[in-house]
PDB file of all heavy atoms in Angstrom:
ATOM      1  N   SER A   1       1.500   6.803   1.381  1.00  0.00           N
ATOM      2  CA  SER A   1       2.551   7.911   1.307  1.00  0.00           C
ATOM      3  C   SER A   1       3.649   7.340   0.376  1.00  0.00           C
ATOM      4  O   SER A   1       3.664   6.158   0.129  1.00  0.00           O
ATOM      5  CB  SER A   1       3.042   8.131   2.692  1.00  0.00           C
ATOM      6  OG  SER A   1       3.582   6.950   3.206  1.00  0.00           O
ATOM      7  N   ARG A   2       4.590   8.271   0.004  1.00  0.00           N
ATOM      8  CA  ARG A   2       5.674   7.896  -0.847  1.00  0.00           C
ATOM      9  C   ARG A   2       6.867   8.540  -0.432  1.00  0.00           C
ATOM     10  O   ARG A   2       6.928   9.735   0.037  1.00  0.00           O
ATOM     11  CB  ARG A   2       5.344   8.149  -2.296  1.00  0.00           C
ATOM     12  CG  ARG A   2       5.146   9.586  -2.753  1.00  0.00           C
ATOM     13  CD  ARG A   2       4.692   9.593  -4.196  1.00  0.00           C
ATOM     14  NE  ARG A   2       5.392   8.839  -5.181  1.00  0.00           N
ATOM     15  CZ  ARG A   2       5.061   8.561  -6.386  1.00  0.00           C
ATOM     16  NH1 ARG A   2       3.815   8.988  -6.922  1.00  0.00           N
ATOM     17  NH2 ARG A   2       5.703   7.858  -7.156  1.00  0.00           N
ATOM     18  N   ASP A   3       7.983   7.730  -0.611  1.00  0.00           N
ATOM     19  CA  ASP A   3       9.304   8.280  -0.214  1.00  0.00           C
ATOM     20  C   ASP A   3      10.127   8.238  -1.559  1.00  0.00           C
ATOM     21  O   ASP A   3      10.488   7.135  -1.922  1.00  0.00           O
ATOM     22  CB  ASP A   3      10.019   7.358   0.818  1.00  0.00           C
ATOM     23  CG  ASP A   3      11.445   7.865   1.155  1.00  0.00           C
ATOM     24  OD1 ASP A   3      12.071   8.582   0.447  1.00  0.00           O
ATOM     25  OD2 ASP A   3      11.794   7.562   2.373  1.00  0.00           O
ATOM     26  N   ASN A   4      10.281   9.376  -2.195  1.00  0.00           N
ATOM     27  CA  ASN A   4      10.680   9.385  -3.591  1.00  0.00           C
ATOM     28  C   ASN A   4      12.255   8.978  -3.618  1.00  0.00           C
ATOM     29  O   ASN A   4      12.724   8.462  -4.553  1.00  0.00           O
ATOM     30  CB  ASN A   4      10.543  10.754  -4.197  1.00  0.00           C
ATOM     31  CG  ASN A   4       9.131  11.010  -4.337  1.00  0.00           C
ATOM     32  OD1 ASN A   4       8.314  10.207  -4.768  1.00  0.00           O
ATOM     33  ND2 ASN A   4       8.752  12.185  -4.085  1.00  0.00           N
ATOM     34  N   ALA A   5      12.986   9.384  -2.549  1.00  0.00           N
ATOM     35  CA  ALA A   5      14.316   9.095  -2.436  1.00  0.00           C
ATOM     36  C   ALA A   5      14.608   7.489  -2.534  1.00  0.00           C
ATOM     37  O   ALA A   5      15.736   6.986  -2.929  1.00  0.00           O
ATOM     38  CB  ALA A   5      14.980   9.736  -1.239  1.00  0.00           C
ATOM     39  N   LYS A   6      13.680   6.676  -1.980  1.00  0.00           N
ATOM     40  CA  LYS A   6      13.741   5.328  -1.871  1.00  0.00           C
ATOM     41  C   LYS A   6      12.847   4.623  -2.976  1.00  0.00           C
ATOM     42  O   LYS A   6      12.841   3.386  -2.931  1.00  0.00           O
ATOM     43  CB  LYS A   6      13.269   4.815  -0.423  1.00  0.00           C
ATOM     44  CG  LYS A   6      14.175   5.398   0.621  1.00  0.00           C
ATOM     45  CD  LYS A   6      13.701   4.829   2.010  1.00  0.00           C
ATOM     46  CE  LYS A   6      14.637   5.266   3.167  1.00  0.00           C
ATOM     47  NZ  LYS A   6      14.175   4.687   4.423  1.00  0.00           N
ATOM     48  N   ASN A   7      12.329   5.390  -3.733  1.00  0.00           N
ATOM     49  CA  ASN A   7      11.393   4.736  -4.769  1.00  0.00           C
ATOM     50  C   ASN A   7      10.320   3.819  -4.134  1.00  0.00           C
ATOM     51  O   ASN A   7      10.205   2.681  -4.560  1.00  0.00           O
ATOM     52  CB  ASN A   7      12.152   4.050  -5.924  1.00  0.00           C
ATOM     53  CG  ASN A   7      12.860   5.005  -6.944  1.00  0.00           C
ATOM     54  OD1 ASN A   7      12.627   6.167  -6.781  1.00  0.00           O
ATOM     55  ND2 ASN A   7      13.418   4.458  -7.985  1.00  0.00           N
ATOM     56  N   THR A   8       9.676   4.247  -3.195  1.00  0.00           N
ATOM     57  CA  THR A   8       8.845   3.445  -2.348  1.00  0.00           C
ATOM     58  C   THR A   8       7.557   4.137  -2.083  1.00  0.00           C
ATOM     59  O   THR A   8       7.590   5.360  -1.812  1.00  0.00           O
ATOM     60  CB  THR A   8       9.627   3.093  -0.966  1.00  0.00           C
ATOM     61  OG1 THR A   8      10.784   2.327  -1.294  1.00  0.00           O
ATOM     62  CG2 THR A   8       8.694   2.177  -0.193  1.00  0.00           C
ATOM     63  N   VAL A   9       6.606   3.247  -1.988  1.00  0.00           N
ATOM     64  CA  VAL A   9       5.228   3.816  -1.657  1.00  0.00           C
ATOM     65  C   VAL A   9       4.731   2.901  -0.569  1.00  0.00           C
ATOM     66  O   VAL A   9       4.883   1.649  -0.552  1.00  0.00           O
ATOM     67  CB  VAL A   9       4.226   3.728  -2.817  1.00  0.00           C
ATOM     68  CG1 VAL A   9       2.799   4.052  -2.314  1.00  0.00           C
ATOM     69  CG2 VAL A   9       4.545   4.863  -3.871  1.00  0.00           C
ATOM     70  N   TYR A  10       4.197   3.463   0.551  1.00  0.00           N
ATOM     71  CA  TYR A  10       3.767   2.667   1.662  1.00  0.00           C
ATOM     72  C   TYR A  10       2.140   2.790   1.812  1.00  0.00           C
ATOM     73  O   TYR A  10       1.591   3.791   1.357  1.00  0.00           O
ATOM     74  CB  TYR A  10       4.272   3.312   2.918  1.00  0.00           C
ATOM     75  CG  TYR A  10       5.797   3.433   3.005  1.00  0.00           C
ATOM     76  CD1 TYR A  10       6.487   4.547   2.660  1.00  0.00           C
ATOM     77  CD2 TYR A  10       6.554   2.311   3.327  1.00  0.00           C
ATOM     78  CE1 TYR A  10       7.798   4.621   2.770  1.00  0.00           C
ATOM     79  CE2 TYR A  10       7.964   2.353   3.407  1.00  0.00           C
ATOM     80  CZ  TYR A  10       8.559   3.578   2.925  1.00  0.00           C
ATOM     81  OH  TYR A  10       9.984   3.658   3.019  1.00  0.00           O
ATOM     82  N   LEU A  11       1.687   1.685   2.323  1.00  0.00           N
ATOM     83  CA  LEU A  11       0.237   1.718   2.636  1.00  0.00           C
ATOM     84  C   LEU A  11       0.152   1.243   4.134  1.00  0.00           C
ATOM     85  O   LEU A  11       0.371   0.176   4.521  1.00  0.00           O
ATOM     86  CB  LEU A  11      -0.592   0.807   1.825  1.00  0.00           C
ATOM     87  CG  LEU A  11      -2.114   0.743   1.989  1.00  0.00           C
ATOM     88  CD1 LEU A  11      -2.653   2.095   1.521  1.00  0.00           C
ATOM     89  CD2 LEU A  11      -2.851  -0.393   1.349  1.00  0.00           C
ATOM     90  N   GLN A  12      -0.146   2.416   4.943  1.00  0.00           N
ATOM     91  CA  GLN A  12      -0.272   2.193   6.371  1.00  0.00           C
ATOM     92  C   GLN A  12      -1.708   1.726   6.631  1.00  0.00           C
ATOM     93  O   GLN A  12      -2.668   2.529   6.315  1.00  0.00           O
ATOM     94  CB  GLN A  12       0.053   3.365   7.264  1.00  0.00           C
ATOM     95  CG  GLN A  12      -0.184   3.282   8.718  1.00  0.00           C
ATOM     96  CD  GLN A  12       0.673   2.315   9.376  1.00  0.00           C
ATOM     97  OE1 GLN A  12       1.832   2.230   9.159  1.00  0.00           O
ATOM     98  NE2 GLN A  12       0.010   1.451  10.371  1.00  0.00           N
ATOM     99  N   MET A  13      -1.957   0.527   7.177  1.00  0.00           N
ATOM    100  CA  MET A  13      -3.237   0.037   7.402  1.00  0.00           C
ATOM    101  C   MET A  13      -3.579  -0.124   8.901  1.00  0.00           C
ATOM    102  O   MET A  13      -2.887  -0.876   9.603  1.00  0.00           O
ATOM    103  CB  MET A  13      -3.508  -1.341   6.748  1.00  0.00           C
ATOM    104  CG  MET A  13      -3.068  -1.239   5.216  1.00  0.00           C
ATOM    105  SD  MET A  13      -3.569  -2.688   4.433  1.00  0.00           S
ATOM    106  CE  MET A  13      -2.373  -3.913   5.262  1.00  0.00           C
ATOM    107  N   ASN A  14      -4.494   0.592   9.405  1.00  0.00           N
ATOM    108  CA  ASN A  14      -4.853   0.602  10.890  1.00  0.00           C
ATOM    109  C   ASN A  14      -6.356   0.012  11.032  1.00  0.00           C
ATOM    110  O   ASN A  14      -7.107   0.103  10.003  1.00  0.00           O
ATOM    111  CB  ASN A  14      -4.689   1.881  11.506  1.00  0.00           C
ATOM    112  CG  ASN A  14      -3.375   2.542  11.482  1.00  0.00           C
ATOM    113  OD1 ASN A  14      -2.285   1.724  11.545  1.00  0.00           O
ATOM    114  ND2 ASN A  14      -3.148   3.762  11.322  1.00  0.00           N
ATOM    115  N   GLY A  15      -6.642  -0.390  12.184  1.00  0.00           N
ATOM    116  CA  GLY A  15      -7.969  -0.839  12.411  1.00  0.00           C
ATOM    117  C   GLY A  15      -8.408  -1.914  11.400  1.00  0.00           C
ATOM    118  O   GLY A  15      -9.564  -1.916  10.914  1.00  0.00           O
ATOM    119  N   LEU A  16      -7.558  -2.835  11.257  1.00  0.00           N
ATOM    120  CA  LEU A  16      -7.897  -3.840  10.155  1.00  0.00           C
ATOM    121  C   LEU A  16      -9.081  -4.759  10.540  1.00  0.00           C
ATOM    122  O   LEU A  16      -9.356  -5.032  11.821  1.00  0.00           O
ATOM    123  CB  LEU A  16      -6.683  -4.731   9.990  1.00  0.00           C
ATOM    124  CG  LEU A  16      -5.584  -3.939   9.062  1.00  0.00           C
ATOM    125  CD1 LEU A  16      -4.265  -4.828   9.228  1.00  0.00           C
ATOM    126  CD2 LEU A  16      -6.041  -3.984   7.643  1.00  0.00           C
ATOM    127  N   LYS A  17      -9.853  -5.097   9.487  1.00  0.00           N
ATOM    128  CA  LYS A  17     -11.088  -5.908   9.667  1.00  0.00           C
ATOM    129  C   LYS A  17     -10.820  -7.124   8.828  1.00  0.00           C
ATOM    130  O   LYS A  17     -10.040  -7.161   7.902  1.00  0.00           O
ATOM    131  CB  LYS A  17     -12.276  -5.116   9.182  1.00  0.00           C
ATOM    132  CG  LYS A  17     -12.466  -3.734   9.917  1.00  0.00           C
ATOM    133  CD  LYS A  17     -13.532  -2.952   9.182  1.00  0.00           C
ATOM    134  CE  LYS A  17     -13.700  -1.723   9.790  1.00  0.00           C
ATOM    135  NZ  LYS A  17     -14.797  -0.916   9.133  1.00  0.00           N
ATOM    136  N   ALA A  18     -11.699  -8.158   9.218  1.00  0.00           N
ATOM    137  CA  ALA A  18     -11.611  -9.455   8.444  1.00  0.00           C
ATOM    138  C   ALA A  18     -11.817  -9.100   6.896  1.00  0.00           C
ATOM    139  O   ALA A  18     -11.311  -9.882   6.099  1.00  0.00           O
ATOM    140  CB  ALA A  18     -12.725 -10.370   9.009  1.00  0.00           C
ATOM    141  N   GLU A  19     -12.668  -8.302   6.618  1.00  0.00           N
ATOM    142  CA  GLU A  19     -13.020  -7.958   5.128  1.00  0.00           C
ATOM    143  C   GLU A  19     -11.817  -7.327   4.457  1.00  0.00           C
ATOM    144  O   GLU A  19     -11.923  -7.139   3.256  1.00  0.00           O
ATOM    145  CB  GLU A  19     -14.265  -7.149   5.041  1.00  0.00           C
ATOM    146  CG  GLU A  19     -14.316  -5.907   5.902  1.00  0.00           C
ATOM    147  CD  GLU A  19     -15.041  -6.051   7.201  1.00  0.00           C
ATOM    148  OE1 GLU A  19     -14.903  -7.077   7.768  1.00  0.00           O
ATOM    149  OE2 GLU A  19     -15.817  -5.159   7.534  1.00  0.00           O
ATOM    150  N   ASP A  20     -10.735  -6.906   5.108  1.00  0.00           N
ATOM    151  CA  ASP A  20      -9.534  -6.451   4.573  1.00  0.00           C
ATOM    152  C   ASP A  20      -8.670  -7.489   4.023  1.00  0.00           C
ATOM    153  O   ASP A  20      -7.669  -7.168   3.377  1.00  0.00           O
ATOM    154  CB  ASP A  20      -8.774  -5.559   5.525  1.00  0.00           C
ATOM    155  CG  ASP A  20      -9.542  -4.216   5.830  1.00  0.00           C
ATOM    156  OD1 ASP A  20     -10.084  -3.635   5.019  1.00  0.00           O
ATOM    157  OD2 ASP A  20      -9.493  -3.866   7.101  1.00  0.00           O
ATOM    158  N   THR A  21      -8.995  -8.665   4.343  1.00  0.00           N
ATOM    159  CA  THR A  21      -8.207  -9.874   3.931  1.00  0.00           C
ATOM    160  C   THR A  21      -8.138 -10.052   2.384  1.00  0.00           C
ATOM    161  O   THR A  21      -9.197  -9.841   1.779  1.00  0.00           O
ATOM    162  CB  THR A  21      -8.725 -11.190   4.583  1.00  0.00           C
ATOM    163  OG1 THR A  21      -8.544 -11.108   5.920  1.00  0.00           O
ATOM    164  CG2 THR A  21      -8.027 -12.349   4.028  1.00  0.00           C
ATOM    165  N   GLY A  22      -6.906 -10.312   1.843  1.00  0.00           N
ATOM    166  CA  GLY A  22      -6.814 -10.480   0.590  1.00  0.00           C
ATOM    167  C   GLY A  22      -5.386 -10.404   0.089  1.00  0.00           C
ATOM    168  O   GLY A  22      -4.513 -10.092   0.830  1.00  0.00           O
ATOM    169  N   GLU A  23      -5.138 -10.580  -1.210  1.00  0.00           N
ATOM    170  CA  GLU A  23      -3.834 -10.389  -1.768  1.00  0.00           C
ATOM    171  C   GLU A  23      -3.858  -8.878  -2.293  1.00  0.00           C
ATOM    172  O   GLU A  23      -4.658  -8.371  -2.876  1.00  0.00           O
ATOM    173  CB  GLU A  23      -3.572 -11.191  -3.032  1.00  0.00           C
ATOM    174  CG  GLU A  23      -2.308 -11.319  -3.638  1.00  0.00           C
ATOM    175  CD  GLU A  23      -1.342 -12.183  -2.861  1.00  0.00           C
ATOM    176  OE1 GLU A  23      -1.753 -12.886  -1.990  1.00  0.00           O
ATOM    177  OE2 GLU A  23      -0.048 -12.008  -3.187  1.00  0.00           O
ATOM    178  N   TYR A  24      -2.714  -8.146  -1.791  1.00  0.00           N
ATOM    179  CA  TYR A  24      -2.615  -6.789  -2.131  1.00  0.00           C
ATOM    180  C   TYR A  24      -1.577  -6.597  -3.158  1.00  0.00           C
ATOM    181  O   TYR A  24      -0.412  -7.140  -3.012  1.00  0.00           O
ATOM    182  CB  TYR A  24      -2.213  -5.938  -0.822  1.00  0.00           C
ATOM    183  CG  TYR A  24      -3.368  -5.748   0.135  1.00  0.00           C
ATOM    184  CD1 TYR A  24      -3.946  -6.828   0.776  1.00  0.00           C
ATOM    185  CD2 TYR A  24      -3.864  -4.509   0.289  1.00  0.00           C
ATOM    186  CE1 TYR A  24      -5.159  -6.609   1.603  1.00  0.00           C
ATOM    187  CE2 TYR A  24      -4.997  -4.249   1.087  1.00  0.00           C
ATOM    188  CZ  TYR A  24      -5.597  -5.298   1.678  1.00  0.00           C
ATOM    189  OH  TYR A  24      -6.696  -4.995   2.447  1.00  0.00           O
ATOM    190  N   TYR A  25      -1.841  -5.699  -4.153  1.00  0.00           N
ATOM    191  CA  TYR A  25      -0.892  -5.451  -5.222  1.00  0.00           C
ATOM    192  C   TYR A  25      -0.792  -4.035  -5.310  1.00  0.00           C
ATOM    193  O   TYR A  25      -1.686  -3.196  -5.133  1.00  0.00           O
ATOM    194  CB  TYR A  25      -1.542  -5.929  -6.618  1.00  0.00           C
ATOM    195  CG  TYR A  25      -1.976  -7.393  -6.609  1.00  0.00           C
ATOM    196  CD1 TYR A  25      -3.128  -7.823  -6.239  1.00  0.00           C
ATOM    197  CD2 TYR A  25      -1.006  -8.369  -7.167  1.00  0.00           C
ATOM    198  CE1 TYR A  25      -3.520  -9.165  -6.232  1.00  0.00           C
ATOM    199  CE2 TYR A  25      -1.370  -9.629  -7.118  1.00  0.00           C
ATOM    200  CZ  TYR A  25      -2.610 -10.058  -6.800  1.00  0.00           C
ATOM    201  OH  TYR A  25      -2.921 -11.369  -6.792  1.00  0.00           O
ATOM    202  N   CYS A  26       0.487  -3.554  -5.723  1.00  0.00           N
ATOM    203  CA  CYS A  26       0.717  -2.179  -6.087  1.00  0.00           C
ATOM    204  C   CYS A  26       0.892  -2.183  -7.700  1.00  0.00           C
ATOM    205  O   CYS A  26       1.214  -3.156  -8.372  1.00  0.00           O
ATOM    206  CB  CYS A  26       1.874  -1.543  -5.373  1.00  0.00           C
ATOM    207  SG  CYS A  26       3.521  -2.202  -5.764  1.00  0.00           S
ATOM    208  N   ALA A  27       0.668  -1.023  -8.217  1.00  0.00           N
ATOM    209  CA  ALA A  27       0.572  -0.815  -9.630  1.00  0.00           C
ATOM    210  C   ALA A  27       0.976   0.542  -9.930  1.00  0.00           C
ATOM    211  O   ALA A  27       0.856   1.524  -9.216  1.00  0.00           O
ATOM    212  CB  ALA A  27      -0.807  -1.186 -10.300  1.00  0.00           C
ATOM    213  N   ALA A  28       1.524   0.686 -11.168  1.00  0.00           N
ATOM    214  CA  ALA A  28       1.989   2.016 -11.709  1.00  0.00           C
ATOM    215  C   ALA A  28       1.365   2.409 -13.025  1.00  0.00           C
ATOM    216  O   ALA A  28       0.957   1.606 -13.775  1.00  0.00           O
ATOM    217  CB  ALA A  28       3.541   2.013 -11.903  1.00  0.00           C
ATOM    218  N   THR A  29       1.160   3.774 -13.141  1.00  0.00           N
ATOM    219  CA  THR A  29       0.563   4.260 -14.367  1.00  0.00           C
ATOM    220  C   THR A  29       1.397   5.570 -14.722  1.00  0.00           C
ATOM    221  O   THR A  29       1.653   6.311 -13.857  1.00  0.00           O
ATOM    222  CB  THR A  29      -0.876   4.574 -14.194  1.00  0.00           C
ATOM    223  OG1 THR A  29      -1.377   5.257 -15.489  1.00  0.00           O
ATOM    224  CG2 THR A  29      -1.215   5.504 -13.115  1.00  0.00           C
ATOM    225  N   SER A  30       1.630   5.784 -15.999  1.00  0.00           N
ATOM    226  CA  SER A  30       2.267   7.043 -16.520  1.00  0.00           C
ATOM    227  C   SER A  30       1.250   8.109 -16.549  1.00  0.00           C
ATOM    228  O   SER A  30       1.675   9.249 -16.676  1.00  0.00           O
ATOM    229  CB  SER A  30       2.774   6.663 -17.899  1.00  0.00           C
ATOM    230  OG  SER A  30       1.805   6.389 -18.853  1.00  0.00           O
TER     231      SER A  30
END
């Protein structure tokens, strides 16, 4: 989801599994 007033994007992660482990990055594209 994104909150444009805060220039923020969220990633809500539920039901996490061991295979979700890792370094998480956000990225932008025009």
